[in-house]
Protein backbone atom coordinates (compact mmCIF):
# COMPACT_ATOMS: atom_id res chain seq x y z
CA MET A 1 -39.88 50.37 205.14
CA ASP A 2 -41.65 50.06 201.81
CA ILE A 3 -41.96 53.15 199.66
CA VAL A 4 -44.59 52.96 196.91
CA TYR A 5 -44.10 55.20 193.86
CA ALA A 6 -46.97 56.16 191.57
CA ASN A 7 -47.99 58.60 188.88
CA GLU A 8 -50.71 60.49 190.75
CA PRO A 9 -52.25 63.25 188.59
CA GLU A 10 -55.12 63.75 191.06
CA LEU A 11 -52.88 64.55 194.05
CA THR A 12 -54.78 66.80 196.43
CA VAL A 13 -53.73 70.34 197.25
CA ASP A 14 -53.75 69.56 200.97
CA GLU A 15 -51.39 66.60 200.64
CA PHE A 16 -49.08 68.52 198.31
CA ILE A 17 -48.84 71.47 200.70
CA ASP A 18 -48.31 69.14 203.65
CA VAL A 19 -45.30 67.41 202.08
CA LEU A 20 -43.90 70.74 200.87
CA ARG A 21 -43.94 71.92 204.49
CA ARG A 22 -42.34 68.71 205.76
CA SER A 23 -39.60 69.01 203.14
CA ALA A 24 -38.78 72.72 203.68
CA LEU A 25 -39.62 73.42 200.00
CA ALA A 26 -42.54 75.45 201.35
CA GLU A 27 -40.04 78.25 201.95
CA ARG A 28 -39.99 78.82 198.18
CA ARG A 29 -43.56 77.91 197.20
CA PRO A 30 -46.86 79.84 197.63
CA VAL A 31 -48.29 77.38 200.18
CA ASP A 32 -50.62 80.03 201.63
CA GLN A 33 -52.27 80.51 198.23
CA ILE A 34 -54.48 77.41 197.96
CA GLU A 35 -56.01 78.34 194.59
CA ARG A 36 -52.58 78.98 193.08
CA ILE A 37 -51.24 75.65 194.36
CA GLY A 38 -54.29 74.02 192.78
CA ARG A 39 -53.42 75.59 189.43
CA MET A 40 -49.83 74.39 189.82
CA LEU A 41 -51.04 70.82 190.26
CA LYS A 42 -53.61 71.07 187.47
CA GLY A 43 -51.00 72.44 185.05
CA ALA A 44 -48.49 69.69 185.71
CA ASP A 45 -48.01 66.98 183.12
CA VAL A 46 -46.38 64.47 185.48
CA ILE A 47 -46.87 64.14 189.24
CA ILE A 48 -44.97 61.27 190.83
CA THR A 49 -45.54 60.44 194.49
CA ALA A 50 -43.69 58.41 197.09
CA ARG A 51 -45.80 56.99 199.91
CA CYS A 52 -44.94 55.08 203.05
CA ASN A 53 -47.95 53.26 204.51
CA GLY A 54 -50.19 55.69 202.62
CA LEU A 55 -48.45 58.82 203.91
CA LEU A 56 -47.13 61.11 201.17
CA VAL A 57 -43.39 61.37 201.89
CA GLY A 58 -42.18 62.68 198.53
CA VAL A 59 -43.41 64.26 195.32
CA SER A 60 -42.08 65.45 192.00
CA ARG A 61 -44.07 67.74 189.73
CA ALA A 62 -43.01 68.28 186.12
CA ILE A 63 -44.05 70.05 182.95
CA THR A 64 -43.10 68.35 179.70
CA ASP A 65 -43.78 68.11 175.98
CA PHE A 66 -43.04 64.34 176.16
CA ALA A 67 -40.66 64.74 173.20
CA TYR A 68 -37.77 67.10 173.89
CA CYS A 69 -37.75 68.62 177.37
CA THR A 70 -39.04 68.02 180.88
CA TYR A 71 -38.89 70.74 183.51
CA LEU A 72 -38.93 69.26 186.98
CA SER A 73 -40.45 72.15 188.89
CA ASP A 74 -40.83 70.59 192.34
CA LEU A 75 -38.91 67.83 194.09
CA ALA A 76 -39.83 67.48 197.74
CA VAL A 77 -39.02 64.74 200.23
CA ASP A 78 -40.16 64.81 203.85
CA GLU A 79 -37.07 65.70 205.92
CA GLN A 80 -37.57 62.55 208.05
CA PHE A 81 -37.32 60.39 204.90
CA GLN A 82 -34.34 62.07 203.22
CA LYS A 83 -31.04 60.31 202.46
CA GLN A 84 -32.82 57.08 201.52
CA GLY A 85 -32.78 57.46 197.72
CA ILE A 86 -36.37 58.71 197.48
CA GLY A 87 -35.45 61.94 195.67
CA LYS A 88 -33.35 60.09 193.09
CA ARG A 89 -36.11 57.55 192.53
CA LEU A 90 -38.69 60.35 192.12
CA ILE A 91 -36.45 61.94 189.48
CA ASP A 92 -36.00 58.59 187.71
CA GLU A 93 -39.75 57.88 187.73
CA THR A 94 -40.52 61.40 186.49
CA HIS A 95 -38.04 61.09 183.63
CA ALA A 96 -39.44 57.68 182.69
CA ALA A 97 -43.02 59.01 182.69
CA ALA A 98 -42.04 61.98 180.51
CA GLY A 99 -39.88 59.85 178.23
CA HIS A 100 -36.15 59.27 178.41
CA GLU A 101 -35.67 61.00 175.07
CA THR A 102 -36.49 64.26 176.87
CA ARG A 103 -33.84 66.32 178.63
CA LEU A 104 -34.69 66.65 182.31
CA ILE A 105 -34.09 70.19 183.55
CA LEU A 106 -34.41 71.64 187.05
CA LEU A 107 -33.38 74.63 189.13
CA ALA A 108 -31.77 73.61 192.40
CA ALA A 109 -32.76 75.19 195.66
CA PRO A 110 -29.69 76.75 197.30
CA LYS A 111 -29.58 74.08 200.03
CA ALA A 112 -29.82 71.28 197.45
CA ARG A 113 -27.07 72.34 195.05
CA SER A 114 -24.65 69.67 196.25
CA TYR A 115 -27.27 66.90 195.97
CA TYR A 116 -27.71 66.80 192.20
CA PRO A 117 -24.10 66.08 191.15
CA HIS A 118 -24.15 63.28 193.73
CA ILE A 119 -26.93 61.51 191.78
CA GLY A 120 -25.29 61.96 188.39
CA MET A 121 -26.77 65.23 187.14
CA GLU A 122 -24.66 67.82 185.34
CA GLN A 123 -24.69 71.52 186.15
CA HIS A 124 -25.40 73.90 183.29
CA ASP A 125 -23.99 77.40 183.58
CA SER A 126 -26.37 79.20 181.23
CA CYS A 127 -29.79 79.51 182.78
CA TRP A 128 -31.82 82.69 182.42
CA MET A 129 -34.92 83.70 184.32
CA ARG A 130 -37.38 86.54 184.12
């Protein structure tokens, strides 16, 4: 199966919500607030998609200054397409689009904590949220 990756800044709200639901990330995103999801997409600096025969099967959404840091806010892969390297490739494409001189930062969902060390990411023990 061929997966096509692209920088897709005009991703639609409907497609984004659909893949969030198929990935289980919808549990932690305001998918019932269409206008808010639209603002999330509009405010993103980098949106990388993964498509199989046109179907959106994965997405990463990041905010970056293109110089120092990149916050990867959303990483979602359709549960039927997981364990095929799509998430890692989305991260790689996002980092490349933002610039490799930036530090890529993300907060792991509880169910995904064991995934990130597996793909070579380091855990940082000093994160603060408000």
